[in-house]
Amino acid sequence: MMQAILQHSLKKLGVNGVSIESAGTIKESTSQRINEHAALELRKRGFSLEQHMSRYVSNIGDLTVFSLVLCAGLEQATEVRALCPEIADRIQIVND
């Protein structure tokens, strides 16, 4: 959800050249489709992620290439820090 909203917001602001990746911290949910409740909420707001498949954060490659890592909460930020301590200063919590 965060990826779709960020991409839309940046486009609306005229910001180009920003790459946004989406991944989660629950390894078991890898390759699953978007939660139906989340899909419904996105559709209400004009977004569609029907083809989205979840990915585990360590499967997206070298995290040190990212200038900013947004995490949904403290638990996710803690897990990302444990996976890649080198980016601790680039992690921000969205729902703090």
N, C-alpha and C. Protein backbone atom coordinates (compact mmCIF):
# COMPACT_ATOMS: atom_id res chain seq x y z
N MET A 1 0.82 -1.19 0.00
CA MET A 1 0.00 0.00 0.00
C MET A 1 0.87 1.25 0.00
N MET A 2 1.90 1.24 0.84
CA MET A 2 2.74 2.42 0.95
C MET A 2 3.39 2.75 -0.39
N GLN A 3 3.81 1.74 -1.13
CA GLN A 3 4.45 1.97 -2.42
C GLN A 3 3.50 2.68 -3.38
N ALA A 4 2.27 2.22 -3.49
CA ALA A 4 1.29 2.82 -4.40
C ALA A 4 1.01 4.27 -4.02
N ILE A 5 0.85 4.52 -2.74
CA ILE A 5 0.54 5.88 -2.28
C ILE A 5 1.73 6.81 -2.51
N LEU A 6 2.95 6.33 -2.23
CA LEU A 6 4.13 7.16 -2.45
C LEU A 6 4.32 7.48 -3.93
N GLN A 7 4.17 6.46 -4.79
CA GLN A 7 4.33 6.70 -6.23
C GLN A 7 3.32 7.73 -6.72
N HIS A 8 2.08 7.60 -6.28
CA HIS A 8 1.04 8.55 -6.67
C HIS A 8 1.36 9.96 -6.18
N SER A 9 1.76 10.06 -4.92
CA SER A 9 2.05 11.37 -4.33
C SER A 9 3.22 12.05 -5.02
N LEU A 10 4.28 11.30 -5.31
CA LEU A 10 5.44 11.88 -5.98
C LEU A 10 5.09 12.34 -7.39
N LYS A 11 4.30 11.53 -8.08
CA LYS A 11 3.88 11.90 -9.44
C LYS A 11 3.06 13.19 -9.40
N LYS A 12 2.14 13.26 -8.44
CA LYS A 12 1.29 14.44 -8.29
C LYS A 12 2.11 15.70 -8.00
N LEU A 13 3.21 15.53 -7.27
CA LEU A 13 4.09 16.65 -6.95
C LEU A 13 5.08 16.97 -8.07
N GLY A 14 5.08 16.14 -9.11
CA GLY A 14 5.99 16.36 -10.22
C GLY A 14 7.41 15.89 -9.95
N VAL A 15 7.58 15.01 -8.99
CA VAL A 15 8.90 14.49 -8.65
C VAL A 15 9.18 13.27 -9.52
N ASN A 16 10.26 13.33 -10.28
CA ASN A 16 10.65 12.23 -11.17
C ASN A 16 11.99 11.65 -10.73
N GLY A 17 12.31 10.48 -11.24
CA GLY A 17 13.61 9.88 -10.99
C GLY A 17 13.76 9.21 -9.64
N VAL A 18 12.66 8.93 -8.98
CA VAL A 18 12.70 8.26 -7.68
C VAL A 18 12.24 6.82 -7.87
N SER A 19 13.06 5.89 -7.43
CA SER A 19 12.72 4.48 -7.52
C SER A 19 12.18 4.02 -6.16
N ILE A 20 11.04 3.36 -6.18
CA ILE A 20 10.43 2.88 -4.94
C ILE A 20 10.27 1.36 -5.03
N GLU A 21 10.79 0.68 -4.04
CA GLU A 21 10.67 -0.77 -3.94
C GLU A 21 9.80 -1.09 -2.73
N SER A 22 9.12 -2.20 -2.79
CA SER A 22 8.26 -2.62 -1.69
C SER A 22 8.64 -4.04 -1.26
N ALA A 23 8.79 -4.21 0.05
CA ALA A 23 9.10 -5.54 0.59
C ALA A 23 8.66 -5.58 2.05
N GLY A 24 8.41 -6.78 2.52
CA GLY A 24 7.96 -6.94 3.90
C GLY A 24 8.95 -7.70 4.75
N THR A 25 8.64 -7.81 6.02
CA THR A 25 9.53 -8.49 6.96
C THR A 25 8.99 -9.84 7.40
N ILE A 26 7.92 -10.29 6.78
CA ILE A 26 7.37 -11.62 7.11
C ILE A 26 7.71 -12.57 5.98
N LYS A 27 8.74 -13.37 6.20
CA LYS A 27 9.26 -14.26 5.17
C LYS A 27 8.18 -15.19 4.62
N GLU A 28 7.30 -15.65 5.51
CA GLU A 28 6.26 -16.61 5.11
C GLU A 28 5.22 -16.02 4.15
N SER A 29 5.14 -14.70 4.05
CA SER A 29 4.14 -14.10 3.17
C SER A 29 4.69 -13.81 1.77
N THR A 30 5.92 -14.21 1.51
CA THR A 30 6.53 -14.01 0.21
C THR A 30 5.69 -14.65 -0.89
N SER A 31 5.52 -13.92 -1.98
CA SER A 31 4.77 -14.36 -3.18
C SER A 31 3.27 -14.45 -2.96
N GLN A 32 2.76 -13.83 -1.92
CA GLN A 32 1.31 -13.81 -1.72
C GLN A 32 0.73 -12.54 -2.34
N ARG A 33 -0.51 -12.64 -2.74
CA ARG A 33 -1.21 -11.49 -3.28
C ARG A 33 -1.59 -10.54 -2.14
N ILE A 34 -1.98 -9.34 -2.51
CA ILE A 34 -2.35 -8.32 -1.53
C ILE A 34 -3.57 -8.78 -0.72
N ASN A 35 -3.56 -8.46 0.54
CA ASN A 35 -4.67 -8.76 1.44
C ASN A 35 -5.94 -8.12 0.88
N GLU A 36 -7.06 -8.83 0.95
CA GLU A 36 -8.32 -8.35 0.37
C GLU A 36 -8.78 -7.03 1.00
N HIS A 37 -8.60 -6.90 2.31
CA HIS A 37 -8.99 -5.66 2.98
C HIS A 37 -8.14 -4.50 2.45
N ALA A 38 -6.84 -4.72 2.33
CA ALA A 38 -5.95 -3.69 1.80
C ALA A 38 -6.32 -3.34 0.36
N ALA A 39 -6.62 -4.36 -0.44
CA ALA A 39 -7.01 -4.13 -1.84
C ALA A 39 -8.28 -3.30 -1.92
N LEU A 40 -9.25 -3.59 -1.07
CA LEU A 40 -10.50 -2.83 -1.04
C LEU A 40 -10.24 -1.37 -0.68
N GLU A 41 -9.43 -1.15 0.35
CA GLU A 41 -9.11 0.22 0.76
C GLU A 41 -8.40 0.99 -0.34
N LEU A 42 -7.50 0.32 -1.03
CA LEU A 42 -6.80 0.96 -2.14
C LEU A 42 -7.76 1.30 -3.28
N ARG A 43 -8.65 0.37 -3.62
CA ARG A 43 -9.63 0.62 -4.69
C ARG A 43 -10.50 1.82 -4.36
N LYS A 44 -10.89 1.96 -3.09
CA LYS A 44 -11.70 3.10 -2.66
C LYS A 44 -10.99 4.41 -2.94
N ARG A 45 -9.66 4.37 -2.94
CA ARG A 45 -8.86 5.58 -3.13
C ARG A 45 -8.31 5.70 -4.55
N GLY A 46 -8.76 4.80 -5.43
CA GLY A 46 -8.36 4.88 -6.83
C GLY A 46 -7.07 4.17 -7.19
N PHE A 47 -6.58 3.31 -6.32
CA PHE A 47 -5.35 2.57 -6.58
C PHE A 47 -5.69 1.11 -6.85
N SER A 48 -4.81 0.43 -7.58
CA SER A 48 -4.98 -0.99 -7.80
C SER A 48 -3.64 -1.70 -7.69
N LEU A 49 -3.58 -2.67 -6.83
CA LEU A 49 -2.40 -3.52 -6.70
C LEU A 49 -2.79 -4.98 -6.86
N GLU A 50 -3.77 -5.23 -7.68
CA GLU A 50 -4.29 -6.59 -7.84
C GLU A 50 -3.20 -7.57 -8.29
N GLN A 51 -2.23 -7.11 -9.06
CA GLN A 51 -1.17 -7.99 -9.55
C GLN A 51 0.05 -8.03 -8.64
N HIS A 52 0.00 -7.28 -7.55
CA HIS A 52 1.14 -7.19 -6.64
C HIS A 52 1.39 -8.53 -5.94
N MET A 53 2.67 -8.91 -5.86
CA MET A 53 3.07 -10.10 -5.12
C MET A 53 4.08 -9.65 -4.06
N SER A 54 3.87 -10.10 -2.83
CA SER A 54 4.75 -9.67 -1.74
C SER A 54 6.15 -10.25 -1.89
N ARG A 55 7.11 -9.50 -1.37
CA ARG A 55 8.51 -9.93 -1.36
C ARG A 55 9.08 -9.76 0.04
N TYR A 56 10.01 -10.62 0.36
CA TYR A 56 10.72 -10.52 1.65
C TYR A 56 11.87 -9.53 1.47
N VAL A 57 12.09 -8.70 2.46
CA VAL A 57 13.05 -7.60 2.35
C VAL A 57 14.45 -8.06 1.94
N SER A 58 14.91 -9.18 2.41
CA SER A 58 16.27 -9.62 2.04
C SER A 58 16.33 -10.14 0.60
N ASN A 59 15.18 -10.33 -0.04
CA ASN A 59 15.15 -10.81 -1.42
C ASN A 59 15.20 -9.69 -2.46
N ILE A 60 15.23 -8.43 -2.02
CA ILE A 60 15.25 -7.34 -3.01
C ILE A 60 16.67 -6.89 -3.34
N GLY A 61 17.66 -7.52 -2.74
CA GLY A 61 19.04 -7.21 -3.06
C GLY A 61 19.75 -6.42 -1.97
N ASP A 62 20.77 -5.71 -2.38
CA ASP A 62 21.63 -4.97 -1.49
C ASP A 62 20.90 -3.74 -0.94
N LEU A 63 20.57 -3.77 0.33
CA LEU A 63 19.83 -2.66 0.94
C LEU A 63 20.67 -1.39 1.07
N THR A 64 21.97 -1.50 0.97
CA THR A 64 22.82 -0.31 1.12
C THR A 64 22.70 0.64 -0.07
N VAL A 65 22.07 0.21 -1.16
CA VAL A 65 21.90 1.10 -2.32
C VAL A 65 20.76 2.10 -2.13
N PHE A 66 19.93 1.89 -1.11
CA PHE A 66 18.79 2.76 -0.87
C PHE A 66 19.17 3.95 0.01
N SER A 67 18.73 5.14 -0.40
CA SER A 67 19.03 6.34 0.38
C SER A 67 18.05 6.53 1.53
N LEU A 68 16.89 5.88 1.45
CA LEU A 68 15.87 5.97 2.50
C LEU A 68 15.09 4.66 2.53
N VAL A 69 14.86 4.16 3.73
CA VAL A 69 14.06 2.95 3.91
C VAL A 69 12.93 3.29 4.87
N LEU A 70 11.71 3.24 4.35
CA LEU A 70 10.53 3.54 5.18
C LEU A 70 9.95 2.23 5.70
N CYS A 71 9.72 2.19 7.01
CA CYS A 71 9.15 1.00 7.64
C CYS A 71 7.81 1.37 8.27
N ALA A 72 6.87 0.43 8.21
CA ALA A 72 5.53 0.68 8.71
C ALA A 72 5.50 0.91 10.22
N GLY A 73 6.40 0.31 10.95
CA GLY A 73 6.40 0.45 12.40
C GLY A 73 7.74 0.07 13.00
N LEU A 74 7.83 0.17 14.31
CA LEU A 74 9.07 -0.11 15.03
C LEU A 74 9.52 -1.56 14.84
N GLU A 75 8.59 -2.49 14.89
CA GLU A 75 8.94 -3.91 14.74
C GLU A 75 9.62 -4.17 13.39
N GLN A 76 9.06 -3.60 12.33
CA GLN A 76 9.65 -3.79 11.00
C GLN A 76 11.01 -3.11 10.90
N ALA A 77 11.12 -1.91 11.47
CA ALA A 77 12.41 -1.19 11.45
C ALA A 77 13.48 -1.98 12.18
N THR A 78 13.12 -2.57 13.30
CA THR A 78 14.07 -3.38 14.08
C THR A 78 14.55 -4.57 13.26
N GLU A 79 13.63 -5.22 12.55
CA GLU A 79 14.00 -6.38 11.72
C GLU A 79 14.91 -5.97 10.56
N VAL A 80 14.61 -4.84 9.93
CA VAL A 80 15.44 -4.37 8.82
C VAL A 80 16.83 -3.99 9.34
N ARG A 81 16.91 -3.34 10.48
CA ARG A 81 18.21 -2.99 11.08
C ARG A 81 19.03 -4.25 11.37
N ALA A 82 18.38 -5.30 11.83
CA ALA A 82 19.08 -6.56 12.11
C ALA A 82 19.61 -7.19 10.83
N LEU A 83 18.86 -7.08 9.75
CA LEU A 83 19.30 -7.64 8.47
C LEU A 83 20.44 -6.85 7.85
N CYS A 84 20.44 -5.53 8.06
CA CYS A 84 21.44 -4.67 7.42
C CYS A 84 21.77 -3.48 8.32
N PRO A 85 22.60 -3.69 9.33
CA PRO A 85 22.92 -2.61 10.26
C PRO A 85 23.55 -1.38 9.61
N GLU A 86 24.15 -1.55 8.44
CA GLU A 86 24.81 -0.44 7.75
C GLU A 86 23.84 0.67 7.35
N ILE A 87 22.56 0.37 7.26
CA ILE A 87 21.58 1.38 6.82
C ILE A 87 20.74 1.93 7.97
N ALA A 88 21.14 1.66 9.18
CA ALA A 88 20.34 2.07 10.35
C ALA A 88 20.00 3.55 10.33
N ASP A 89 20.92 4.38 9.85
CA ASP A 89 20.68 5.83 9.83
C ASP A 89 19.73 6.26 8.72
N ARG A 90 19.39 5.34 7.80
CA ARG A 90 18.50 5.67 6.68
C ARG A 90 17.09 5.13 6.87
N ILE A 91 16.84 4.49 8.00
CA ILE A 91 15.53 3.89 8.27
C ILE A 91 14.64 4.89 8.99
N GLN A 92 13.45 5.08 8.46
CA GLN A 92 12.47 5.96 9.08
C GLN A 92 11.19 5.15 9.33
N ILE A 93 10.54 5.39 10.43
CA ILE A 93 9.29 4.71 10.77
C ILE A 93 8.11 5.63 10.39
N VAL A 94 7.21 5.10 9.61
CA VAL A 94 6.08 5.89 9.11
C VAL A 94 4.97 6.00 10.15
N ASN A 95 4.63 4.91 10.79
CA ASN A 95 3.52 4.89 11.76
C ASN A 95 4.06 4.86 13.18
N ASP A 96 4.78 5.90 13.55
CA ASP A 96 5.40 5.94 14.87
C ASP A 96 4.45 6.53 15.90
